[in-house]
N, C-alpha and C. Protein backbone atom coordinates (compact mmCIF):
# COMPACT_ATOMS: atom_id res chain seq x y z
N MET A 1 78.45 41.85 39.99
CA MET A 1 78.83 42.54 41.18
C MET A 1 77.68 43.45 41.63
N LEU A 2 77.42 43.42 42.95
CA LEU A 2 76.37 44.24 43.51
C LEU A 2 76.89 45.63 43.83
N THR A 3 76.04 46.58 43.59
CA THR A 3 76.41 47.94 43.97
C THR A 3 75.38 48.46 44.95
N TYR A 4 75.86 49.13 45.95
CA TYR A 4 74.98 49.69 46.96
C TYR A 4 74.86 51.20 46.77
N LYS A 5 73.65 51.67 47.08
CA LYS A 5 73.44 53.11 47.02
C LYS A 5 74.00 53.73 48.29
N ASN A 6 74.45 54.94 48.18
CA ASN A 6 74.88 55.66 49.36
C ASN A 6 73.65 55.99 50.20
N PRO A 7 73.71 55.76 51.51
CA PRO A 7 72.55 56.05 52.35
C PRO A 7 72.28 57.56 52.39
N LYS A 8 70.99 57.88 52.53
CA LYS A 8 70.59 59.28 52.61
C LYS A 8 70.70 59.75 54.06
N ALA A 9 70.89 61.04 54.22
CA ALA A 9 70.94 61.64 55.55
C ALA A 9 69.53 61.61 56.16
N LYS A 10 69.48 61.33 57.43
CA LYS A 10 68.19 61.32 58.13
C LYS A 10 68.37 61.93 59.51
N PRO A 11 67.27 62.38 60.11
CA PRO A 11 67.39 63.03 61.43
C PRO A 11 67.57 61.99 62.54
N CYS A 12 68.38 62.36 63.53
CA CYS A 12 68.59 61.53 64.72
C CYS A 12 67.29 61.53 65.52
N GLU A 13 66.89 60.38 66.07
CA GLU A 13 65.66 60.28 66.85
C GLU A 13 65.74 61.01 68.18
N VAL A 14 66.94 61.31 68.65
CA VAL A 14 67.10 61.96 69.95
C VAL A 14 67.33 63.46 69.79
N CYS A 15 68.34 63.85 69.02
CA CYS A 15 68.71 65.27 68.95
C CYS A 15 68.24 65.96 67.67
N GLU A 16 67.62 65.24 66.74
CA GLU A 16 67.07 65.80 65.50
C GLU A 16 68.14 66.29 64.52
N ARG A 17 69.41 66.02 64.77
CA ARG A 17 70.47 66.42 63.88
C ARG A 17 70.51 65.47 62.68
N LEU A 18 70.82 65.99 61.49
CA LEU A 18 70.93 65.14 60.30
C LEU A 18 72.25 64.37 60.35
N PHE A 19 72.18 63.09 59.99
CA PHE A 19 73.39 62.27 59.95
C PHE A 19 73.23 61.21 58.87
N VAL A 20 74.34 60.69 58.41
CA VAL A 20 74.33 59.61 57.42
C VAL A 20 74.61 58.32 58.18
N PRO A 21 73.68 57.36 58.16
CA PRO A 21 73.87 56.12 58.92
C PRO A 21 75.05 55.30 58.41
N ASP A 22 75.78 54.70 59.33
CA ASP A 22 76.91 53.83 58.99
C ASP A 22 76.46 52.40 58.74
N ARG A 23 75.34 52.00 59.36
CA ARG A 23 74.86 50.62 59.23
C ARG A 23 73.33 50.62 59.16
N MET A 24 72.80 49.52 58.73
CA MET A 24 71.35 49.40 58.61
C MET A 24 70.69 49.48 59.98
N GLY A 25 69.57 50.16 60.04
CA GLY A 25 68.82 50.24 61.28
C GLY A 25 69.32 51.28 62.25
N GLN A 26 70.35 52.03 61.89
CA GLN A 26 70.89 53.04 62.79
C GLN A 26 69.91 54.22 62.84
N VAL A 27 69.48 54.59 64.07
CA VAL A 27 68.50 55.66 64.22
C VAL A 27 69.02 56.85 65.01
N VAL A 28 70.23 56.72 65.56
CA VAL A 28 70.83 57.82 66.32
C VAL A 28 72.18 58.17 65.71
N CYS A 29 72.60 59.43 65.93
CA CYS A 29 73.80 59.91 65.26
C CYS A 29 75.11 59.54 65.95
N ARG A 30 75.08 59.35 67.26
CA ARG A 30 76.33 59.11 67.98
C ARG A 30 76.05 58.31 69.25
N PRO A 31 77.08 57.79 69.90
CA PRO A 31 76.88 56.98 71.11
C PRO A 31 76.17 57.74 72.25
N ALA A 32 76.42 59.02 72.39
CA ALA A 32 75.76 59.79 73.46
C ALA A 32 74.25 59.79 73.25
N CYS A 33 73.80 59.92 72.02
CA CYS A 33 72.37 59.89 71.72
C CYS A 33 71.80 58.49 71.94
N ALA A 34 72.61 57.48 71.67
CA ALA A 34 72.17 56.11 71.90
C ALA A 34 71.96 55.87 73.39
N MET A 35 72.87 56.37 74.22
CA MET A 35 72.72 56.22 75.67
C MET A 35 71.49 56.98 76.17
N LYS A 36 71.28 58.17 75.61
CA LYS A 36 70.12 58.96 76.01
C LYS A 36 68.83 58.23 75.64
N LYS A 37 68.82 57.58 74.47
CA LYS A 37 67.64 56.83 74.03
C LYS A 37 67.38 55.63 74.96
N VAL A 38 68.45 54.96 75.37
CA VAL A 38 68.32 53.82 76.29
C VAL A 38 67.77 54.29 77.64
N ARG A 39 68.30 55.42 78.15
CA ARG A 39 67.80 55.97 79.42
C ARG A 39 66.33 56.34 79.32
N GLN A 40 65.94 56.95 78.20
CA GLN A 40 64.53 57.32 78.00
C GLN A 40 63.64 56.08 78.01
N ALA A 41 64.11 55.02 77.36
CA ALA A 41 63.34 53.77 77.33
C ALA A 41 63.19 53.19 78.74
N LYS A 42 64.26 53.27 79.54
CA LYS A 42 64.20 52.76 80.91
C LYS A 42 63.22 53.58 81.75
N VAL A 43 63.25 54.90 81.59
CA VAL A 43 62.35 55.77 82.35
C VAL A 43 60.90 55.47 81.97
N GLU A 44 60.65 55.30 80.68
CA GLU A 44 59.29 54.99 80.22
C GLU A 44 58.83 53.63 80.76
N GLU A 45 59.72 52.65 80.79
CA GLU A 45 59.37 51.33 81.30
C GLU A 45 59.07 51.39 82.80
N ARG A 46 59.89 52.16 83.55
CA ARG A 46 59.63 52.30 84.98
C ARG A 46 58.28 52.97 85.22
N ALA A 47 57.94 53.96 84.41
CA ALA A 47 56.65 54.64 84.56
C ALA A 47 55.50 53.67 84.28
N LYS A 48 55.66 52.82 83.28
CA LYS A 48 54.62 51.82 82.98
C LYS A 48 54.47 50.83 84.14
N VAL A 49 55.59 50.38 84.69
CA VAL A 49 55.55 49.45 85.82
C VAL A 49 54.89 50.11 87.03
N ARG A 50 55.23 51.40 87.28
CA ARG A 50 54.65 52.13 88.40
C ARG A 50 53.13 52.24 88.25
N THR A 51 52.66 52.53 87.04
CA THR A 51 51.21 52.64 86.84
C THR A 51 50.54 51.27 86.98
N ARG A 52 51.18 50.22 86.51
CA ARG A 52 50.59 48.88 86.66
C ARG A 52 50.51 48.50 88.13
N LYS A 53 51.57 48.79 88.90
CA LYS A 53 51.56 48.49 90.33
C LYS A 53 50.49 49.29 91.05
N GLU A 54 50.32 50.55 90.68
CA GLU A 54 49.30 51.40 91.30
C GLU A 54 47.91 50.85 91.00
N ALA A 55 47.71 50.34 89.81
CA ALA A 55 46.39 49.85 89.40
C ALA A 55 45.98 48.59 90.15
N ILE A 56 46.94 47.78 90.58
CA ILE A 56 46.57 46.53 91.26
C ILE A 56 46.50 46.66 92.77
N LYS A 57 46.79 47.87 93.29
CA LYS A 57 46.71 48.05 94.74
C LYS A 57 45.25 47.99 95.19
N THR A 58 45.04 47.31 96.31
CA THR A 58 43.68 47.22 96.86
C THR A 58 43.38 48.49 97.65
N LEU A 59 42.12 48.66 97.99
CA LEU A 59 41.71 49.81 98.79
C LEU A 59 42.40 49.80 100.15
N ALA A 60 42.57 48.62 100.70
CA ALA A 60 43.27 48.50 101.99
C ALA A 60 44.73 48.95 101.87
N ASP A 61 45.39 48.60 100.78
CA ASP A 61 46.76 49.04 100.55
C ASP A 61 46.83 50.57 100.47
N LEU A 62 45.89 51.14 99.74
CA LEU A 62 45.86 52.59 99.58
C LEU A 62 45.57 53.29 100.90
N LYS A 63 44.65 52.72 101.70
CA LYS A 63 44.35 53.32 103.01
C LYS A 63 45.57 53.26 103.92
N ARG A 64 46.31 52.17 103.85
CA ARG A 64 47.51 52.03 104.66
C ARG A 64 48.54 53.09 104.26
N GLU A 65 48.72 53.29 102.96
CA GLU A 65 49.66 54.31 102.49
C GLU A 65 49.20 55.71 102.88
N ALA A 66 47.90 55.97 102.78
CA ALA A 66 47.36 57.28 103.17
C ALA A 66 47.55 57.51 104.66
N GLN A 67 47.31 56.49 105.47
CA GLN A 67 47.49 56.61 106.92
C GLN A 67 48.94 56.89 107.26
N THR A 68 49.86 56.21 106.58
CA THR A 68 51.29 56.43 106.80
C THR A 68 51.67 57.86 106.45
N ALA A 69 51.18 58.35 105.31
CA ALA A 69 51.49 59.72 104.88
C ALA A 69 50.94 60.73 105.87
N LEU A 70 49.69 60.53 106.32
CA LEU A 70 49.08 61.44 107.30
C LEU A 70 49.85 61.41 108.62
N ASN A 71 50.18 60.22 109.10
CA ASN A 71 50.90 60.09 110.36
C ASN A 71 52.26 60.79 110.31
N ARG A 72 52.99 60.60 109.22
CA ARG A 72 54.29 61.25 109.08
C ARG A 72 54.14 62.77 109.08
N TRP A 73 53.13 63.26 108.36
CA TRP A 73 52.91 64.69 108.29
C TRP A 73 52.58 65.25 109.68
N ILE A 74 51.74 64.52 110.43
CA ILE A 74 51.36 64.96 111.78
C ILE A 74 52.60 65.06 112.67
N VAL A 75 53.39 63.99 112.71
CA VAL A 75 54.53 63.92 113.64
C VAL A 75 55.68 64.82 113.20
N GLN A 76 55.98 64.85 111.90
CA GLN A 76 57.17 65.55 111.43
C GLN A 76 56.93 67.02 111.06
N VAL A 77 55.66 67.39 110.78
CA VAL A 77 55.41 68.75 110.33
C VAL A 77 54.45 69.49 111.26
N ARG A 78 53.20 69.07 111.29
CA ARG A 78 52.19 69.83 112.00
C ARG A 78 52.47 69.94 113.50
N ASP A 79 52.77 68.81 114.14
CA ASP A 79 52.99 68.79 115.59
C ASP A 79 54.46 68.63 115.96
N ALA A 80 55.36 68.94 115.06
CA ALA A 80 56.79 68.66 115.27
C ALA A 80 57.34 69.30 116.53
N ASP A 81 56.95 70.52 116.81
CA ASP A 81 57.51 71.21 117.97
C ASP A 81 56.61 71.15 119.20
N LYS A 82 55.53 70.41 119.11
CA LYS A 82 54.58 70.31 120.22
C LYS A 82 54.90 69.11 121.10
N PRO A 83 54.46 69.14 122.36
CA PRO A 83 54.67 67.98 123.24
C PRO A 83 53.61 66.91 122.96
N CYS A 84 53.69 65.82 123.68
CA CYS A 84 52.69 64.75 123.60
C CYS A 84 51.33 65.32 123.96
N ILE A 85 50.32 65.00 123.17
CA ILE A 85 48.97 65.52 123.43
C ILE A 85 48.40 65.00 124.74
N SER A 86 48.79 63.83 125.15
CA SER A 86 48.22 63.24 126.37
C SER A 86 48.93 63.70 127.64
N CYS A 87 50.23 63.51 127.70
CA CYS A 87 50.95 63.81 128.94
C CYS A 87 51.63 65.17 128.94
N GLY A 88 51.76 65.80 127.78
CA GLY A 88 52.35 67.13 127.71
C GLY A 88 53.86 67.15 127.84
N ARG A 89 54.51 65.99 127.75
CA ARG A 89 55.97 65.92 127.90
C ARG A 89 56.67 66.07 126.56
N HIS A 90 57.85 66.67 126.59
CA HIS A 90 58.80 66.62 125.48
C HIS A 90 59.84 65.59 125.93
N HIS A 91 60.12 64.62 125.13
CA HIS A 91 61.15 63.65 125.51
C HIS A 91 61.88 63.16 124.28
N GLN A 92 62.91 62.40 124.49
CA GLN A 92 63.77 61.95 123.40
C GLN A 92 63.34 60.61 122.82
N GLY A 93 62.23 60.06 123.27
CA GLY A 93 61.80 58.74 122.81
C GLY A 93 61.11 58.77 121.46
N GLN A 94 60.45 57.70 121.18
CA GLN A 94 59.76 57.54 119.90
C GLN A 94 58.41 58.27 119.94
N TRP A 95 58.02 58.86 118.80
CA TRP A 95 56.75 59.55 118.70
C TRP A 95 55.81 58.79 117.78
N HIS A 96 54.54 58.77 118.13
CA HIS A 96 53.50 58.13 117.33
C HIS A 96 52.48 59.18 116.92
N ALA A 97 51.66 58.83 115.95
CA ALA A 97 50.50 59.64 115.59
C ALA A 97 49.32 58.95 116.26
N GLY A 98 48.91 59.45 117.42
CA GLY A 98 47.86 58.81 118.20
C GLY A 98 46.48 59.29 117.78
N HIS A 99 45.55 58.35 117.68
CA HIS A 99 44.17 58.67 117.32
C HIS A 99 43.33 58.81 118.59
N TYR A 100 42.54 59.88 118.66
CA TYR A 100 41.62 60.05 119.79
C TYR A 100 40.54 58.98 119.70
N MET A 101 39.86 58.91 118.59
CA MET A 101 38.89 57.83 118.34
C MET A 101 39.67 56.77 117.56
N SER A 102 39.82 55.60 118.10
CA SER A 102 40.69 54.59 117.50
C SER A 102 40.22 54.22 116.10
N ARG A 103 41.17 53.78 115.29
CA ARG A 103 40.85 53.39 113.91
C ARG A 103 39.91 52.21 113.87
N GLY A 104 39.99 51.33 114.85
CA GLY A 104 39.09 50.17 114.89
C GLY A 104 37.68 50.55 115.29
N ALA A 105 37.55 51.43 116.27
CA ALA A 105 36.24 51.84 116.76
C ALA A 105 35.57 52.85 115.84
N ALA A 106 36.35 53.69 115.20
CA ALA A 106 35.79 54.73 114.33
C ALA A 106 36.62 54.84 113.05
N PRO A 107 36.49 53.87 112.15
CA PRO A 107 37.30 53.91 110.93
C PRO A 107 37.01 55.13 110.06
N GLN A 108 35.84 55.74 110.23
CA GLN A 108 35.51 56.92 109.44
C GLN A 108 36.39 58.12 109.83
N HIS A 109 37.02 58.07 111.00
CA HIS A 109 37.88 59.17 111.45
C HIS A 109 39.37 58.82 111.36
N ALA A 110 39.70 57.69 110.78
CA ALA A 110 41.11 57.27 110.72
C ALA A 110 41.97 58.28 109.98
N LEU A 111 41.45 58.88 108.92
CA LEU A 111 42.22 59.82 108.11
C LEU A 111 41.82 61.28 108.37
N ASN A 112 41.16 61.52 109.49
CA ASN A 112 40.74 62.87 109.85
C ASN A 112 41.84 63.52 110.68
N PRO A 113 42.46 64.60 110.19
CA PRO A 113 43.57 65.21 110.94
C PRO A 113 43.16 65.79 112.30
N LEU A 114 41.89 66.08 112.52
CA LEU A 114 41.45 66.55 113.83
C LEU A 114 41.46 65.42 114.87
N ASN A 115 41.44 64.18 114.40
CA ASN A 115 41.40 63.01 115.27
C ASN A 115 42.80 62.46 115.56
N VAL A 116 43.82 62.97 114.87
CA VAL A 116 45.17 62.42 114.98
C VAL A 116 46.13 63.50 115.47
N HIS A 117 46.89 63.18 116.51
CA HIS A 117 47.85 64.13 117.06
C HIS A 117 49.11 63.40 117.50
N LYS A 118 50.19 64.16 117.63
CA LYS A 118 51.48 63.61 118.06
C LYS A 118 51.37 63.12 119.50
N GLN A 119 51.83 61.89 119.72
CA GLN A 119 51.71 61.27 121.03
C GLN A 119 52.97 60.46 121.31
N CYS A 120 53.42 60.47 122.55
CA CYS A 120 54.61 59.69 122.89
C CYS A 120 54.26 58.20 122.90
N ALA A 121 55.27 57.39 122.67
CA ALA A 121 55.06 55.95 122.60
C ALA A 121 54.49 55.37 123.90
N PRO A 122 54.97 55.79 125.09
CA PRO A 122 54.39 55.23 126.31
C PRO A 122 52.89 55.51 126.44
N CYS A 123 52.46 56.73 126.13
CA CYS A 123 51.03 57.04 126.22
C CYS A 123 50.22 56.25 125.20
N ASN A 124 50.73 56.19 123.98
CA ASN A 124 49.97 55.53 122.91
C ASN A 124 49.96 54.02 123.08
N THR A 125 51.07 53.44 123.44
CA THR A 125 51.18 51.98 123.50
C THR A 125 50.77 51.42 124.86
N TYR A 126 51.44 51.86 125.92
CA TYR A 126 51.23 51.25 127.22
C TYR A 126 49.99 51.76 127.95
N LEU A 127 49.61 53.01 127.68
CA LEU A 127 48.42 53.57 128.31
C LEU A 127 47.22 53.57 127.36
N HIS A 128 47.37 52.89 126.23
CA HIS A 128 46.29 52.73 125.24
C HIS A 128 45.71 54.08 124.81
N GLY A 129 46.59 55.03 124.60
CA GLY A 129 46.17 56.34 124.13
C GLY A 129 46.00 57.37 125.22
N ASN A 130 45.97 56.95 126.48
CA ASN A 130 45.79 57.87 127.60
C ASN A 130 44.64 58.83 127.29
N LEU A 131 43.47 58.26 127.00
CA LEU A 131 42.35 58.99 126.41
C LEU A 131 41.77 60.10 127.28
N ILE A 132 41.79 59.97 128.57
CA ILE A 132 41.21 61.02 129.42
C ILE A 132 42.04 62.30 129.30
N ALA A 133 43.35 62.17 129.41
CA ALA A 133 44.23 63.33 129.25
C ALA A 133 44.20 63.82 127.80
N TYR A 134 44.11 62.88 126.85
CA TYR A 134 44.03 63.23 125.43
C TYR A 134 42.82 64.13 125.20
N ARG A 135 41.65 63.75 125.74
CA ARG A 135 40.42 64.51 125.54
C ARG A 135 40.53 65.91 126.14
N VAL A 136 41.12 66.02 127.31
CA VAL A 136 41.28 67.32 127.97
C VAL A 136 42.11 68.26 127.08
N ARG A 137 43.23 67.77 126.59
CA ARG A 137 44.10 68.61 125.75
C ARG A 137 43.48 68.84 124.37
N LEU A 138 42.71 67.89 123.88
CA LEU A 138 42.04 68.06 122.58
C LEU A 138 41.00 69.17 122.67
N ILE A 139 40.29 69.24 123.79
CA ILE A 139 39.32 70.32 124.00
C ILE A 139 40.04 71.67 124.02
N GLU A 140 41.20 71.73 124.67
CA GLU A 140 41.99 72.97 124.68
C GLU A 140 42.43 73.35 123.27
N LEU A 141 42.73 72.32 122.46
CA LEU A 141 43.27 72.55 121.12
C LEU A 141 42.20 72.94 120.11
N ILE A 142 41.11 72.16 120.02
CA ILE A 142 40.12 72.40 118.96
C ILE A 142 38.77 72.85 119.48
N GLY A 143 38.57 72.83 120.77
CA GLY A 143 37.31 73.29 121.35
C GLY A 143 36.35 72.15 121.66
N LEU A 144 35.49 72.39 122.65
CA LEU A 144 34.55 71.38 123.11
C LEU A 144 33.56 70.98 122.03
N GLN A 145 33.06 71.96 121.29
CA GLN A 145 32.07 71.66 120.25
C GLN A 145 32.65 70.74 119.18
N ALA A 146 33.87 70.99 118.73
CA ALA A 146 34.51 70.15 117.71
C ALA A 146 34.74 68.73 118.24
N VAL A 147 35.13 68.61 119.51
CA VAL A 147 35.35 67.28 120.10
C VAL A 147 34.02 66.52 120.18
N GLU A 148 32.97 67.20 120.62
CA GLU A 148 31.66 66.54 120.71
C GLU A 148 31.13 66.14 119.33
N GLU A 149 31.38 66.97 118.31
CA GLU A 149 30.99 66.61 116.95
C GLU A 149 31.76 65.38 116.48
N LEU A 150 33.02 65.33 116.82
CA LEU A 150 33.86 64.18 116.46
C LEU A 150 33.33 62.92 117.14
N GLU A 151 32.99 63.01 118.40
CA GLU A 151 32.48 61.86 119.15
C GLU A 151 31.09 61.44 118.67
N ALA A 152 30.27 62.40 118.25
CA ALA A 152 28.89 62.10 117.85
C ALA A 152 28.80 61.55 116.42
N ASP A 153 29.82 61.78 115.61
CA ASP A 153 29.78 61.34 114.21
C ASP A 153 30.11 59.85 114.13
N ASN A 154 29.08 59.01 114.12
CA ASN A 154 29.28 57.57 114.06
C ASN A 154 28.77 56.96 112.77
N ALA A 155 28.42 57.79 111.80
CA ALA A 155 27.91 57.29 110.53
C ALA A 155 29.04 56.61 109.76
N PRO A 156 28.81 55.36 109.37
CA PRO A 156 29.85 54.67 108.60
C PRO A 156 29.99 55.30 107.21
N ARG A 157 31.22 55.38 106.73
CA ARG A 157 31.48 55.94 105.41
C ARG A 157 32.32 54.97 104.61
N LYS A 158 31.99 54.87 103.35
CA LYS A 158 32.77 54.04 102.45
C LYS A 158 33.60 54.99 101.59
N MET A 159 34.89 55.00 101.79
CA MET A 159 35.75 55.90 101.02
C MET A 159 36.04 55.30 99.66
N THR A 160 36.02 56.15 98.65
CA THR A 160 36.32 55.70 97.29
C THR A 160 37.83 55.62 97.11
N ARG A 161 38.22 54.88 96.13
CA ARG A 161 39.62 54.72 95.78
C ARG A 161 40.26 56.08 95.47
N GLU A 162 39.53 56.89 94.71
CA GLU A 162 40.04 58.20 94.30
C GLU A 162 40.23 59.12 95.51
N ALA A 163 39.30 59.06 96.46
CA ALA A 163 39.40 59.90 97.66
C ALA A 163 40.61 59.51 98.50
N VAL A 164 40.85 58.23 98.64
CA VAL A 164 42.00 57.76 99.43
C VAL A 164 43.31 58.14 98.74
N ILE A 165 43.34 57.99 97.41
CA ILE A 165 44.54 58.39 96.65
C ILE A 165 44.79 59.88 96.80
N ALA A 166 43.72 60.68 96.75
CA ALA A 166 43.86 62.13 96.90
C ALA A 166 44.41 62.49 98.28
N ILE A 167 43.91 61.83 99.32
CA ILE A 167 44.41 62.09 100.68
C ILE A 167 45.88 61.71 100.78
N ARG A 168 46.22 60.53 100.28
CA ARG A 168 47.62 60.07 100.32
C ARG A 168 48.53 61.05 99.59
N ASP A 169 48.15 61.43 98.38
CA ASP A 169 49.00 62.31 97.59
C ASP A 169 49.11 63.71 98.20
N THR A 170 48.03 64.19 98.81
CA THR A 170 48.05 65.50 99.45
C THR A 170 49.07 65.53 100.59
N TYR A 171 49.01 64.54 101.46
CA TYR A 171 49.92 64.55 102.61
C TYR A 171 51.36 64.22 102.21
N LYS A 172 51.55 63.42 101.18
CA LYS A 172 52.91 63.18 100.68
C LYS A 172 53.49 64.47 100.13
N ALA A 173 52.67 65.23 99.40
CA ALA A 173 53.14 66.49 98.82
C ALA A 173 53.44 67.51 99.92
N LYS A 174 52.59 67.58 100.94
CA LYS A 174 52.83 68.51 102.05
C LYS A 174 54.12 68.17 102.77
N LEU A 175 54.37 66.89 102.98
CA LEU A 175 55.59 66.46 103.65
C LEU A 175 56.82 66.78 102.80
N LYS A 176 56.71 66.52 101.51
CA LYS A 176 57.82 66.78 100.60
C LYS A 176 58.12 68.28 100.54
N GLU A 177 57.06 69.09 100.53
CA GLU A 177 57.21 70.55 100.49
C GLU A 177 57.93 71.07 101.73
N MET A 178 57.60 70.51 102.88
CA MET A 178 58.22 70.97 104.12
C MET A 178 59.67 70.50 104.26
N ARG A 179 60.02 69.43 103.60
CA ARG A 179 61.40 68.94 103.68
C ARG A 179 62.37 69.79 102.85
N LYS A 180 61.83 70.53 101.88
CA LYS A 180 62.70 71.35 101.02
C LYS A 180 63.19 72.58 101.73
């Protein structure tokens, strides 16, 4: 006849309480600790998946996310109570983050907050930015010298992955902070 030794008390992996295991391989003291361990494993797995997804994003993906974060911050926070930069109207329609120097013509200014302002959909879409009125109001807002510097800066820039991530995270954090 086989005789078994009584199991020794060991600490629970979750709550550190001493317990005597009922079965082989038992590492937690009670069902609540088992559920907590399962939840922790799920959270850790989600974090691993999130980091893997972040690692495979291209620079274009990151720039798109940064542009979205900047645009939301412009429309919902910085210029929330201001009228359209081009026509000066307050209306109930859709709002865009309009670029003075277009992203296609001046990609180096796409993520520059001085180049992006709240604009109504008709001005941005149908009037292609309504640039003459945009420039007049931009001069009133930031000054002639700043506008001329913006227009004169045509040097191409290659943004690093880290810089784009920093811009994206900064504007996401600012937006999140203002929502609280």
